Protein backbone atom coordinates (compact mmCIF):
# COMPACT_ATOMS: atom_id res chain seq x y z
CA MET A 1 -86.78 44.45 -88.29
CA ALA A 2 -86.50 47.89 -86.78
CA THR A 3 -83.30 48.82 -84.98
CA ARG A 4 -82.30 51.52 -82.54
CA VAL A 5 -79.03 53.42 -82.96
CA THR A 6 -76.94 53.74 -79.79
CA GLY A 7 -73.67 55.61 -80.42
CA GLN A 8 -72.00 53.81 -83.30
CA ALA A 9 -73.64 50.41 -82.82
CA GLU A 10 -77.11 49.31 -83.88
CA VAL A 11 -78.86 47.30 -81.15
CA PRO A 12 -81.93 45.17 -81.95
CA PRO A 13 -84.95 46.11 -79.82
CA THR A 14 -85.32 42.54 -78.56
CA GLN A 15 -81.89 42.62 -76.95
CA THR A 16 -82.57 46.04 -75.42
CA ALA A 17 -85.82 44.88 -73.90
CA SER A 18 -84.32 41.70 -72.48
CA ALA A 19 -81.41 43.58 -70.94
CA THR A 20 -83.79 46.16 -69.49
CA ASP A 21 -86.10 43.55 -67.99
CA ALA A 22 -83.23 41.52 -66.49
CA ALA A 23 -82.38 44.01 -63.74
CA PRO A 24 -85.93 44.17 -62.25
CA ALA A 25 -86.10 40.40 -62.41
CA ARG A 26 -82.86 40.06 -60.42
CA GLN A 27 -84.06 42.64 -57.90
CA THR A 28 -87.37 40.81 -57.52
CA TYR A 29 -85.53 37.52 -56.97
CA ARG A 30 -83.30 39.06 -54.30
CA LYS A 31 -86.27 40.70 -52.64
CA HIS A 32 -88.41 37.56 -52.48
CA SER A 33 -85.65 34.95 -52.11
CA PRO A 34 -86.07 32.93 -48.88
CA LEU A 35 -82.31 33.09 -48.30
CA SER A 36 -82.35 36.90 -48.25
CA ARG A 37 -84.77 37.07 -45.30
CA PRO A 38 -83.49 36.25 -41.78
CA ASN A 39 -85.18 33.16 -40.43
CA PRO A 40 -84.84 32.47 -36.69
CA LEU A 41 -85.42 28.76 -37.30
CA TRP A 42 -82.01 28.48 -38.99
CA GLY A 43 -80.38 29.99 -35.90
CA VAL A 44 -82.17 27.53 -33.62
CA LEU A 45 -81.16 24.64 -35.89
CA ALA A 46 -77.52 25.81 -35.86
CA TRP A 47 -77.53 25.93 -32.05
CA LEU A 48 -79.05 22.43 -31.85
CA VAL A 49 -76.43 21.01 -34.21
CA GLY A 50 -73.66 22.76 -32.26
CA LEU A 51 -74.93 21.33 -28.97
CA LEU A 52 -75.15 17.89 -30.56
CA PHE A 53 -71.48 17.98 -31.51
CA ALA A 54 -70.52 19.40 -28.10
CA THR A 55 -72.49 16.75 -26.17
CA PRO A 56 -69.53 14.32 -25.69
CA ALA A 57 -67.32 17.07 -24.25
CA LEU A 58 -70.12 18.36 -22.03
CA TRP A 59 -70.80 14.82 -20.85
CA MET A 60 -67.15 14.33 -19.86
CA VAL A 61 -67.20 17.57 -17.87
CA LEU A 62 -70.42 16.55 -16.12
CA THR A 63 -69.07 13.08 -15.35
CA SER A 64 -65.98 14.60 -13.73
CA PHE A 65 -68.24 16.11 -11.06
CA HIS A 66 -69.80 12.74 -10.20
CA SER A 67 -68.45 10.26 -7.72
CA GLU A 68 -66.72 7.16 -9.05
CA VAL A 69 -69.73 4.99 -8.21
CA ASP A 70 -72.21 7.30 -9.94
CA ALA A 71 -69.96 7.72 -12.98
CA ALA A 72 -69.76 3.94 -13.45
CA THR A 73 -73.53 3.32 -13.36
CA ASN A 74 -75.19 1.84 -16.44
CA PRO A 75 -77.27 3.52 -17.72
CA PRO A 76 -75.65 6.77 -16.57
CA SER A 77 -77.64 9.11 -14.38
CA LEU A 78 -77.90 12.80 -15.19
CA LEU A 79 -79.37 13.55 -11.77
CA ALA A 80 -76.50 12.05 -9.75
CA PRO A 81 -75.23 14.35 -6.99
CA LEU A 82 -72.33 16.59 -7.93
CA THR A 83 -69.10 16.44 -5.98
CA LEU A 84 -65.49 17.66 -6.15
CA GLU A 85 -64.15 14.39 -4.78
CA GLY A 86 -62.42 13.44 -8.03
CA TYR A 87 -60.67 16.80 -8.33
CA ARG A 88 -59.55 16.70 -4.69
CA THR A 89 -58.13 13.21 -5.15
CA PHE A 90 -56.25 14.29 -8.26
CA PHE A 91 -54.75 17.52 -6.96
CA ASP A 92 -53.87 16.03 -3.58
CA ASN A 93 -51.62 13.55 -5.39
CA PRO A 94 -48.09 15.05 -5.57
CA ASN A 95 -47.39 13.13 -8.80
CA ALA A 96 -50.37 14.66 -10.60
CA TRP A 97 -48.86 18.05 -11.39
CA PRO A 98 -45.83 16.83 -13.40
CA ALA A 99 -48.09 14.62 -15.50
CA LEU A 100 -50.53 17.49 -16.06
CA ILE A 101 -47.74 19.89 -17.03
CA ASN A 102 -46.22 17.36 -19.43
CA SER A 103 -49.59 16.73 -21.06
CA ALA A 104 -50.30 20.44 -21.46
CA THR A 105 -46.79 21.08 -22.82
CA ALA A 106 -47.09 18.31 -25.39
CA SER A 107 -50.51 19.54 -26.50
CA VAL A 108 -49.58 23.21 -26.79
CA VAL A 109 -46.21 22.69 -28.48
CA SER A 110 -47.58 20.14 -30.97
CA THR A 111 -50.47 22.49 -31.82
CA ILE A 112 -48.06 25.35 -32.54
CA ILE A 113 -45.91 23.10 -34.75
CA VAL A 114 -48.97 21.80 -36.61
CA LEU A 115 -50.14 25.34 -37.33
CA ALA A 116 -46.67 26.44 -38.40
CA LEU A 117 -46.49 23.55 -40.89
CA SER A 118 -50.10 23.25 -42.05
CA ILE A 119 -50.69 26.92 -42.98
CA PRO A 120 -47.81 27.13 -45.54
CA ALA A 121 -48.70 23.67 -46.85
CA ALA A 122 -52.35 24.63 -47.28
CA TYR A 123 -51.25 27.89 -48.93
CA ALA A 124 -49.25 25.92 -51.49
CA LEU A 125 -52.14 23.51 -52.12
CA SER A 126 -54.90 26.11 -52.48
CA ILE A 127 -53.77 29.66 -53.23
CA ARG A 128 -50.52 28.78 -55.01
CA PRO A 129 -51.24 25.19 -56.07
CA VAL A 130 -48.29 22.95 -56.81
CA LYS A 131 -48.27 20.30 -59.52
CA ARG A 132 -50.38 17.21 -58.77
CA TRP A 133 -51.76 18.86 -55.63
CA SER A 134 -54.64 16.38 -55.50
CA ASP A 135 -52.15 13.52 -55.18
CA VAL A 136 -50.48 15.35 -52.31
CA LEU A 137 -53.81 15.73 -50.51
CA PHE A 138 -54.65 12.07 -51.03
CA PHE A 139 -51.24 11.05 -49.67
CA LEU A 140 -51.83 13.15 -46.56
CA LEU A 141 -55.25 11.59 -46.10
CA SER A 142 -53.89 8.08 -46.66
CA THR A 143 -51.71 8.44 -43.58
CA ARG A 144 -54.94 8.36 -41.53
CA PHE A 145 -56.03 5.03 -43.01
CA LEU A 146 -53.79 3.02 -40.68
CA PRO A 147 -55.55 2.24 -37.39
CA ILE A 148 -53.86 3.62 -34.29
CA VAL A 149 -53.87 0.18 -32.68
CA ALA A 150 -51.82 -1.23 -35.57
CA ALA A 151 -49.20 1.49 -35.14
CA VAL A 152 -48.82 1.31 -31.36
CA LEU A 153 -46.52 -1.74 -31.24
CA PRO A 154 -44.04 -0.52 -33.93
CA LEU A 155 -43.92 2.90 -32.30
CA TYR A 156 -43.27 1.35 -28.90
CA ILE A 157 -40.46 -0.81 -30.27
CA PHE A 158 -38.97 2.23 -32.01
CA ALA A 159 -39.16 4.27 -28.79
CA VAL A 160 -37.41 1.53 -26.81
CA TRP A 161 -34.74 1.07 -29.49
CA THR A 162 -33.94 4.79 -29.69
CA GLY A 163 -34.20 5.42 -25.96
CA ALA A 164 -37.05 7.90 -26.46
CA LEU A 165 -39.52 6.06 -24.26
CA ASP A 166 -41.12 8.30 -21.61
CA GLN A 167 -39.72 11.38 -23.36
CA ILE A 168 -42.00 14.35 -24.00
CA GLY A 169 -40.27 15.01 -27.32
CA LEU A 170 -41.54 11.72 -28.74
CA LEU A 171 -45.06 12.55 -27.60
CA ILE A 172 -44.88 15.95 -29.33
CA ALA A 173 -43.66 14.30 -32.54
CA LEU A 174 -46.48 11.74 -32.44
CA TYR A 175 -49.14 14.39 -31.79
CA THR A 176 -47.78 16.48 -34.66
CA ALA A 177 -47.70 13.54 -37.08
CA MET A 178 -51.25 12.48 -36.20
CA ASN A 179 -52.82 15.93 -36.45
CA LEU A 180 -50.89 17.46 -39.35
CA PRO A 181 -52.81 15.72 -42.22
CA ILE A 182 -56.20 16.76 -40.86
CA ALA A 183 -54.95 20.29 -40.21
CA VAL A 184 -53.70 20.64 -43.80
CA TRP A 185 -57.06 19.51 -45.17
CA MET A 186 -59.00 21.87 -42.90
CA MET A 187 -56.74 24.86 -43.54
CA ARG A 188 -56.86 24.29 -47.30
CA SER A 189 -60.65 24.61 -47.29
CA PHE A 190 -60.37 27.92 -45.41
CA LEU A 191 -57.52 29.34 -47.47
CA ALA A 192 -59.33 28.48 -50.70
CA GLU A 193 -61.89 31.14 -49.74
CA VAL A 194 -59.29 33.93 -49.58
CA PRO A 195 -59.95 36.36 -52.48
CA VAL A 196 -57.18 36.31 -55.06
CA GLU A 197 -57.51 40.09 -55.44
CA MET A 198 -56.22 40.58 -51.88
CA LEU A 199 -53.10 38.55 -52.65
CA GLU A 200 -52.50 40.43 -55.87
CA ALA A 201 -52.85 43.74 -54.03
CA ALA A 202 -50.33 42.58 -51.43
CA GLN A 203 -47.87 41.61 -54.16
CA LEU A 204 -48.28 45.00 -55.83
CA ASP A 205 -47.46 46.64 -52.50
CA GLY A 206 -44.25 44.60 -52.34
CA ALA A 207 -45.27 42.13 -49.62
CA GLY A 208 -43.33 38.90 -49.56
CA LEU A 209 -44.62 35.42 -48.76
CA VAL A 210 -44.17 35.70 -45.00
CA ARG A 211 -45.75 39.18 -44.87
CA THR A 212 -48.65 37.99 -47.05
CA LEU A 213 -49.29 35.02 -44.79
CA ARG A 214 -49.09 37.11 -41.63
CA SER A 215 -50.94 40.27 -42.69
CA VAL A 216 -53.36 39.10 -45.39
CA VAL A 217 -54.03 35.37 -45.22
CA ALA A 218 -53.96 34.86 -41.45
CA PRO A 219 -56.67 37.45 -40.58
CA VAL A 220 -59.03 36.06 -43.23
CA ALA A 221 -58.42 32.44 -42.23
CA MET A 222 -58.48 33.09 -38.48
CA PRO A 223 -61.68 31.01 -37.91
CA GLY A 224 -59.94 28.01 -39.43
CA ILE A 225 -56.76 28.66 -37.46
CA ALA A 226 -58.79 28.85 -34.25
């Protein structure tokens, strides 16, 4: 078999031909691949799926502008007249504002706590995995197996026994405990996509864990954080 001398190594002609033909083949695949060409149908499908998932929230907003009689009809009517009667009744009630403020405070504070706890936990389970990380994820998911109805009575008895009933702190703790497992799972999937080379570059520049999370990981994982 004839060979061709390249530098100090002898390369068979079959290998040279295959290596030479591989690049045009890859370029042809990229050029004619259906995924490389923009298709407006995928955009339309994405919008339809997004609207499908947003339908319950949009329906609640629409129902809030219906009168109580129209909102209680079965089947519901999309063409019912719109009114601000429900909003006027709510905001005219002097006891409505404290309840609204408490609800907003519990939601915002619990969300901040969940993010503060889930991002480092997801970092440890994805980018810097701990031992038996799959068991940790399964344990977090297993906390969601218990139905909420089954946990209401023990939680109520605990709140009465500790004197925490009607306290906003207990509500924040419950919101945090319910949402933290799901947040860890979601953030882990986003942080797993962070390139390792970026973290290595940050370490070479002397960035610590907190600086790496704030300046490198957080910008990349911002869609998941949002």
